[in-house]
Protein backbone atom coordinates (compact mmCIF):
# COMPACT_ATOMS: atom_id res chain seq x y z
CA MET A 1 0.00 0.00 0.00
CA THR A 2 1.16 3.49 -0.73
CA ALA A 3 0.77 6.63 1.32
CA THR A 4 -1.56 8.18 -1.26
CA PHE A 5 -4.13 5.45 -0.60
CA ILE A 6 -4.54 6.68 2.97
CA TYR A 7 -5.21 10.25 1.86
CA ASN A 8 -7.69 9.16 -0.82
CA ASN A 9 -10.05 7.47 1.62
CA LEU A 10 -13.17 9.35 2.75
CA TYR A 11 -13.59 7.23 5.87
CA ILE A 12 -10.33 8.50 7.39
CA TYR A 13 -11.57 12.10 7.20
CA LEU A 14 -14.98 11.17 8.56
CA PHE A 15 -13.39 9.27 11.44
CA VAL A 16 -11.21 12.26 12.36
CA ALA A 17 -14.25 14.56 12.16
CA LEU A 18 -16.23 12.17 14.38
CA PHE A 19 -13.34 12.07 16.85
CA LEU A 20 -13.28 15.89 16.98
CA LEU A 21 -17.04 15.96 17.48
CA CYS A 22 -16.91 13.40 20.31
CA CYS A 23 -14.02 15.20 22.03
CA GLY A 24 -15.97 18.46 21.82
CA ILE A 25 -19.15 16.96 23.25
CA LEU A 26 -17.26 15.25 26.07
CA GLY A 27 -15.44 18.49 26.77
CA LEU A 28 -18.73 20.36 27.04
CA LEU A 29 -20.07 17.77 29.45
CA TYR A 30 -17.01 17.40 31.69
CA ARG A 31 -15.28 20.78 31.65
CA ARG A 32 -16.14 23.21 34.40
CA SER A 33 -14.13 26.16 33.16
CA LEU A 34 -15.75 28.49 30.66
CA ILE A 35 -12.58 28.55 28.55
CA GLY A 36 -12.58 24.75 28.39
CA MET A 37 -16.18 24.87 27.21
CA LEU A 38 -15.23 27.43 24.56
CA ILE A 39 -12.45 25.18 23.28
CA SER A 40 -14.91 22.27 23.17
CA VAL A 41 -17.32 24.27 21.02
CA GLU A 42 -14.42 25.11 18.70
CA LEU A 43 -13.64 21.38 18.38
CA ILE A 44 -17.24 20.68 17.41
CA MET A 45 -17.15 23.39 14.76
CA ASN A 46 -13.83 22.10 13.39
CA GLY A 47 -15.34 18.62 13.06
CA ALA A 48 -18.26 20.03 11.09
CA GLY A 49 -15.91 22.01 8.84
CA LEU A 50 -13.81 18.92 8.19
CA ASN A 51 -16.96 17.03 7.15
CA PHE A 52 -17.86 19.74 4.65
CA VAL A 53 -14.36 19.79 3.15
CA ALA A 54 -14.12 15.99 2.95
CA PHE A 55 -17.49 15.61 1.27
CA ASN A 56 -16.63 18.40 -1.13
CA ARG A 57 -13.39 16.70 -2.10
CA PHE A 58 -14.77 13.20 -2.58
CA VAL A 59 -18.39 13.70 -3.68
CA SER A 60 -18.25 16.84 -5.79
CA PRO A 61 -14.72 18.13 -6.40
CA ASP A 62 -15.76 20.46 -9.24
CA ASN A 63 -17.61 23.05 -7.17
CA ALA A 64 -16.41 24.64 -3.96
CA TYR A 65 -19.58 24.65 -1.87
CA GLY A 66 -18.05 22.61 0.92
CA LEU A 67 -15.01 24.86 1.10
CA SER A 68 -17.16 27.97 1.26
CA PHE A 69 -19.23 26.44 4.07
CA ALA A 70 -16.00 25.60 5.92
CA LEU A 71 -14.82 29.20 5.58
CA PHE A 72 -18.21 30.38 6.83
CA ILE A 73 -17.88 28.07 9.86
CA MET A 74 -14.40 29.44 10.55
CA GLY A 75 -15.76 33.00 10.48
CA ILE A 76 -18.58 32.11 12.84
CA ALA A 77 -16.11 30.37 15.16
CA ALA A 78 -13.85 33.43 15.23
CA ALA A 79 -16.77 35.75 16.02
CA GLU A 80 -18.06 33.36 18.66
CA ALA A 81 -14.64 33.14 20.30
CA ALA A 82 -14.26 36.92 20.41
CA ILE A 83 -17.69 37.47 21.95
CA ALA A 84 -17.31 34.57 24.39
CA LEU A 85 -13.89 35.76 25.57
CA GLY A 86 -15.34 39.22 26.18
CA ILE A 87 -18.14 37.72 28.25
CA ILE A 88 -15.68 35.52 30.15
CA ILE A 89 -13.54 38.56 31.01
CA LEU A 90 -16.61 40.39 32.32
CA ILE A 91 -17.63 37.37 34.40
CA PHE A 92 -14.12 37.14 35.83
CA ARG A 93 -14.15 40.82 36.78
CA LYS A 94 -17.46 40.43 38.58
CA PHE A 95 -17.14 37.01 40.27
CA ARG A 96 -13.31 36.54 40.38
CA HIS A 97 -13.54 33.03 38.88
CA ILE A 98 -14.62 31.45 35.62
CA GLU A 99 -16.10 28.19 36.85
CA GLY A 100 -19.36 27.63 34.98
CA GLN A 101 -21.12 25.69 37.73
CA LYS A 102 -20.42 28.23 40.47
CA ILE A 103 -22.15 31.05 38.62
CA LYS A 104 -25.80 30.65 39.56
CA GLU A 105 -27.31 34.00 38.66
CA MET A 106 -26.24 36.55 36.16
CA LYS A 107 -28.96 39.10 36.94
CA ASP A 108 -26.77 41.45 38.98
């Protein structure tokens, strides 16, 4: 077997995307820090982007719809990270910690 056979297999890309998705979901469930949760959401979005790129390459390589969706996901992830980090900084200034479970009310 050659090395090009590994790269020309759709299942490898789908397995990596599924692994990223599972790591992101487990991170959302088990992380207590807001920054850890933010990183987990980024992993989920990266898994979705990898799915779009892989299906674009193997199913329809002529048009670039999957690549454009992946770029759109990257833009949304960047905006989400900027807004979330701003909110996390404000929470830290008010409560002096960023543990998600310790913050009960955000009305004040």
